Amino acid sequence: MARRSSSSKPRRARETVETPAGFLATHDLKERGWTARLIERHLGEHDSTRPNGLKMGGRRLPPVKLYREERVEQAEADEDFLIARMKAEDAREKRQAARERRERERALLLQGAAESYVPRVQRLDIRKGAVKKAREPYLPELERVLSHLAGELGGLKGGEEKALREQLLYRLHLALAGVYEWYPHPDLKPQGKGAGTGKARAAARESSSEEAKPSDWRDWDWDEA
């Protein structure tokens, strides 16, 4: 019997927990435009709770706060709330626009950094199809370039290092494909034996989608008060 690795991360799982009639959960309010500050200012203390449908490592997360729907509707009809929600939505849109602008600018920086890498590839006396032998001599230099670019960019965050490495590898593959007529072109899909690999990976991802992931936060029952 295979042993579970002690270093494995706790799994997140979800189960459907219905919100009682006449109540709205915190995430319901957020879908209606409420923020944590609006909830605190215009609703105050919650009216009830229900079990959280999200579990982490077998442990259920804190209960979900519930608010009487009638009380929520009364608050939403108040002019002060309408003005406050409009201001909150405007601020949220501005933050989103600013975030998207920063992401675009960062993406352009990464792209420019990757395009500065011009692999100097020489044809070696190797057998046809020796893709690994053709590529290996240039990988140490690629890593040095990656490290240098990371310094020029002020460090790499999150998945930026992986993304930049993939862009550098793309340029290396492109250069190698220009030297060896048999080298796989990075823009062409593989045929034959390994052609199903991508489908297999996609199927594996789909089969694992039942496990809750951090990216599922929009669907989780969560509180932010």
Protein backbone atom coordinates (compact mmCIF):
# COMPACT_ATOMS: atom_id res chain seq x y z
CA MET A 1 0.00 0.00 0.00
CA ALA A 2 1.39 3.38 -1.00
CA ARG A 3 1.99 5.82 1.83
CA ARG A 4 0.76 9.35 1.65
CA SER A 5 3.59 11.84 1.59
CA SER A 6 3.90 13.78 4.85
CA SER A 7 4.76 16.90 2.84
CA SER A 8 1.56 16.82 0.79
CA LYS A 9 -0.62 19.91 1.10
CA PRO A 10 -4.05 19.62 2.78
CA ARG A 11 -6.81 19.12 0.25
CA ARG A 12 -9.69 21.54 -0.06
CA ALA A 13 -13.10 20.09 -0.75
CA ARG A 14 -16.60 21.49 -0.98
CA GLU A 15 -20.04 20.22 -0.25
CA THR A 16 -23.33 21.96 -0.99
CA VAL A 17 -24.87 23.63 2.06
CA GLU A 18 -28.16 25.41 1.46
CA THR A 19 -28.78 28.85 2.88
CA PRO A 20 -32.08 28.91 4.83
CA ALA A 21 -35.00 30.66 3.19
CA GLY A 22 -35.31 34.29 4.15
CA PHE A 23 -31.55 34.72 4.69
CA LEU A 24 -28.63 35.90 2.59
CA ALA A 25 -25.07 34.69 3.07
CA THR A 26 -22.06 36.99 2.94
CA HIS A 27 -21.17 35.94 -0.60
CA ASP A 28 -24.78 36.67 -1.65
CA LEU A 29 -24.37 40.21 -0.39
CA LYS A 30 -21.11 40.61 -2.28
CA GLU A 31 -22.85 39.55 -5.48
CA ARG A 32 -25.37 42.34 -4.84
CA GLY A 33 -22.57 44.92 -4.58
CA TRP A 34 -21.98 44.87 -0.83
CA THR A 35 -18.48 45.26 0.57
CA ALA A 36 -17.19 44.38 4.02
CA ARG A 37 -17.34 48.03 5.01
CA LEU A 38 -20.91 48.44 3.70
CA ILE A 39 -21.99 45.34 5.61
CA GLU A 40 -20.44 46.66 8.81
CA ARG A 41 -21.88 50.15 8.40
CA HIS A 42 -25.41 49.38 7.13
CA LEU A 43 -26.18 45.92 8.55
CA GLY A 44 -23.97 45.52 11.57
CA GLU A 45 -24.04 42.18 13.39
CA HIS A 46 -25.20 39.15 11.42
CA ASP A 47 -28.53 37.51 12.29
CA SER A 48 -27.53 33.87 12.11
CA THR A 49 -24.95 31.43 10.73
CA ARG A 50 -24.85 28.16 8.83
CA PRO A 51 -22.12 25.54 8.35
CA ASN A 52 -19.45 26.38 5.79
CA GLY A 53 -19.48 24.07 2.79
CA LEU A 54 -15.73 24.37 2.37
CA LYS A 55 -13.38 21.98 4.14
CA MET A 56 -9.61 22.12 4.28
CA GLY A 57 -7.69 19.01 5.24
CA GLY A 58 -10.88 17.44 6.58
CA ARG A 59 -11.61 20.42 8.81
CA ARG A 60 -14.62 22.62 8.12
CA LEU A 61 -13.92 26.33 7.88
CA PRO A 62 -15.68 28.90 10.12
CA PRO A 63 -19.48 29.25 9.79
CA VAL A 64 -20.95 31.51 7.13
CA LYS A 65 -22.65 34.64 8.40
CA LEU A 66 -26.31 35.09 7.47
CA TYR A 67 -28.42 38.23 7.25
CA ARG A 68 -32.20 38.44 7.11
CA GLU A 69 -33.25 39.20 3.55
CA GLU A 70 -35.92 41.65 4.69
CA ARG A 71 -33.33 43.66 6.62
CA VAL A 72 -30.96 43.64 3.65
CA GLU A 73 -33.67 44.94 1.31
CA GLN A 74 -34.56 47.70 3.72
CA ALA A 75 -30.93 48.77 3.89
CA GLU A 76 -30.61 48.67 0.09
CA ALA A 77 -33.55 51.05 -0.24
CA ASP A 78 -31.82 53.65 1.91
CA GLU A 79 -30.40 56.60 -0.02
CA ASP A 80 -27.21 56.71 2.05
CA PHE A 81 -26.54 53.05 1.19
CA LEU A 82 -27.16 53.64 -2.53
CA ILE A 83 -24.67 56.49 -2.58
CA ALA A 84 -22.11 54.49 -0.60
CA ARG A 85 -22.50 51.44 -2.87
CA MET A 86 -22.09 53.60 -5.98
CA LYS A 87 -18.87 55.06 -4.57
CA ALA A 88 -17.64 51.58 -3.66
CA GLU A 89 -18.36 50.28 -7.17
CA ASP A 90 -16.57 53.25 -8.70
CA ALA A 91 -13.53 52.68 -6.48
CA ARG A 92 -13.56 48.96 -7.31
CA GLU A 93 -13.66 49.68 -11.05
CA LYS A 94 -10.76 52.12 -10.72
CA ARG A 95 -8.70 49.56 -8.77
CA GLN A 96 -9.49 46.90 -11.38
CA ALA A 97 -8.51 49.22 -14.23
CA ALA A 98 -5.27 50.16 -12.47
CA ARG A 99 -4.47 46.50 -11.80
CA GLU A 100 -5.11 45.55 -15.43
CA ARG A 101 -2.94 48.44 -16.61
CA ARG A 102 -0.08 47.33 -14.35
CA GLU A 103 -0.44 43.76 -15.60
CA ARG A 104 -0.31 44.89 -19.23
CA GLU A 105 2.74 47.04 -18.60
CA ARG A 106 4.45 44.19 -16.76
CA ALA A 107 3.63 41.74 -19.55
CA LEU A 108 5.18 44.11 -22.09
CA LEU A 109 8.31 44.38 -19.95
CA LEU A 110 8.59 40.59 -19.77
CA GLN A 111 8.03 40.27 -23.49
CA GLY A 112 10.68 42.88 -24.24
CA ALA A 113 13.10 41.12 -21.90
CA ALA A 114 12.49 37.79 -23.62
CA GLU A 115 12.96 39.32 -27.09
CA SER A 116 16.39 40.63 -26.04
CA TYR A 117 17.57 37.01 -25.93
CA VAL A 118 19.01 35.97 -29.29
CA PRO A 119 20.40 32.40 -29.06
CA ARG A 120 23.60 31.83 -31.01
CA VAL A 121 23.09 28.31 -32.27
CA GLN A 122 25.68 26.33 -34.20
CA ARG A 123 25.01 23.13 -36.09
CA LEU A 124 26.56 20.17 -34.26
CA ASP A 125 27.48 16.79 -35.68
CA ILE A 126 24.66 14.84 -34.05
CA ARG A 127 22.24 12.27 -35.33
CA LYS A 128 18.88 13.22 -36.74
CA GLY A 129 16.22 13.47 -34.03
CA ALA A 130 18.66 14.05 -31.14
CA VAL A 131 16.56 16.91 -29.81
CA LYS A 132 17.93 16.75 -26.28
CA LYS A 133 21.57 16.80 -27.43
CA ALA A 134 20.82 19.72 -29.71
CA ARG A 135 19.22 21.72 -26.90
CA GLU A 136 21.33 20.88 -23.84
CA PRO A 137 24.46 22.92 -24.67
CA TYR A 138 22.42 26.12 -24.61
CA LEU A 139 20.43 25.62 -21.41
CA PRO A 140 23.10 26.90 -18.96
CA GLU A 141 23.40 30.13 -20.96
CA LEU A 142 19.60 30.42 -21.02
CA GLU A 143 19.51 30.19 -17.22
CA ARG A 144 22.22 32.85 -16.95
CA VAL A 145 20.20 35.10 -19.23
CA LEU A 146 17.09 34.45 -17.13
CA SER A 147 18.93 35.39 -13.95
CA HIS A 148 20.31 38.56 -15.55
CA LEU A 149 16.91 39.62 -16.85
CA ALA A 150 15.33 38.96 -13.46
CA GLY A 151 17.79 41.40 -11.93
CA GLU A 152 17.07 44.03 -14.57
CA LEU A 153 13.34 43.63 -13.96
CA GLY A 154 13.73 44.10 -10.22
CA GLY A 155 12.93 40.46 -9.47
CA LEU A 156 10.24 38.13 -10.72
CA LYS A 157 6.96 37.56 -8.89
CA GLY A 158 4.57 34.63 -8.82
CA GLY A 159 4.62 32.77 -12.11
CA GLU A 160 6.75 35.37 -13.90
CA GLU A 161 9.93 33.30 -13.71
CA LYS A 162 8.20 30.30 -15.27
CA ALA A 163 6.57 32.46 -17.95
CA LEU A 164 9.83 34.20 -18.82
CA ARG A 165 11.71 30.90 -18.96
CA GLU A 166 9.07 29.53 -21.34
CA GLN A 167 9.47 32.56 -23.58
CA LEU A 168 13.25 32.13 -23.61
CA LEU A 169 12.88 28.44 -24.38
CA TYR A 170 10.52 29.30 -27.20
CA ARG A 171 13.17 31.50 -28.76
CA LEU A 172 15.78 28.79 -28.30
CA HIS A 173 13.52 26.17 -29.89
CA LEU A 174 12.86 28.58 -32.76
CA ALA A 175 16.58 29.07 -33.33
CA LEU A 176 17.29 25.34 -33.18
CA ALA A 177 14.46 24.62 -35.62
CA GLY A 178 16.12 27.04 -38.01
CA VAL A 179 19.40 25.12 -37.86
CA TYR A 180 18.14 21.53 -37.78
CA GLU A 181 15.42 20.71 -40.29
CA TRP A 182 14.26 17.83 -38.07
CA TYR A 183 14.06 19.86 -34.84
CA PRO A 184 10.41 20.31 -33.71
CA HIS A 185 9.19 23.78 -34.52
CA PRO A 186 7.65 25.38 -31.37
CA ASP A 187 4.62 26.60 -33.32
CA LEU A 188 3.73 23.17 -34.69
CA LYS A 189 1.77 20.58 -32.71
CA PRO A 190 3.56 17.24 -32.15
CA GLN A 191 2.34 14.28 -34.18
CA GLY A 192 2.54 10.55 -33.57
CA LYS A 193 3.42 8.86 -30.31
CA GLY A 194 3.32 11.88 -28.02
CA ALA A 195 0.38 13.57 -29.68
CA GLY A 196 -2.06 12.39 -27.04
CA THR A 197 0.02 13.69 -24.14
CA GLY A 198 -1.74 17.05 -24.10
CA LYS A 199 -5.16 15.40 -24.11
CA ALA A 200 -4.11 13.09 -21.30
CA ARG A 201 -2.95 16.04 -19.22
CA ALA A 202 -6.16 17.93 -19.93
CA ALA A 203 -8.18 14.89 -18.87
CA ALA A 204 -6.15 14.63 -15.68
CA ARG A 205 -6.81 18.29 -14.92
CA GLU A 206 -10.52 17.80 -15.56
CA SER A 207 -10.69 14.75 -13.32
CA SER A 208 -9.00 16.66 -10.53
CA SER A 209 -11.33 19.64 -10.88
CA GLU A 210 -13.64 18.18 -8.24
CA GLU A 211 -11.03 19.13 -5.67
CA ALA A 212 -11.50 22.71 -4.55
CA LYS A 213 -8.54 24.97 -5.35
CA PRO A 214 -7.51 28.46 -4.23
CA SER A 215 -8.78 29.77 -7.60
CA ASP A 216 -12.27 28.58 -6.65
CA TRP A 217 -12.58 31.38 -4.10
CA ARG A 218 -15.35 33.07 -6.08
CA ASP A 219 -17.57 30.05 -5.44
CA TRP A 220 -16.62 29.51 -1.83
CA ASP A 221 -18.76 30.41 1.16
CA TRP A 222 -16.50 33.03 2.66
CA ASP A 223 -16.69 35.99 5.00
CA GLU A 224 -14.79 39.25 4.91
CA ALA A 225 -16.08 41.26 7.79
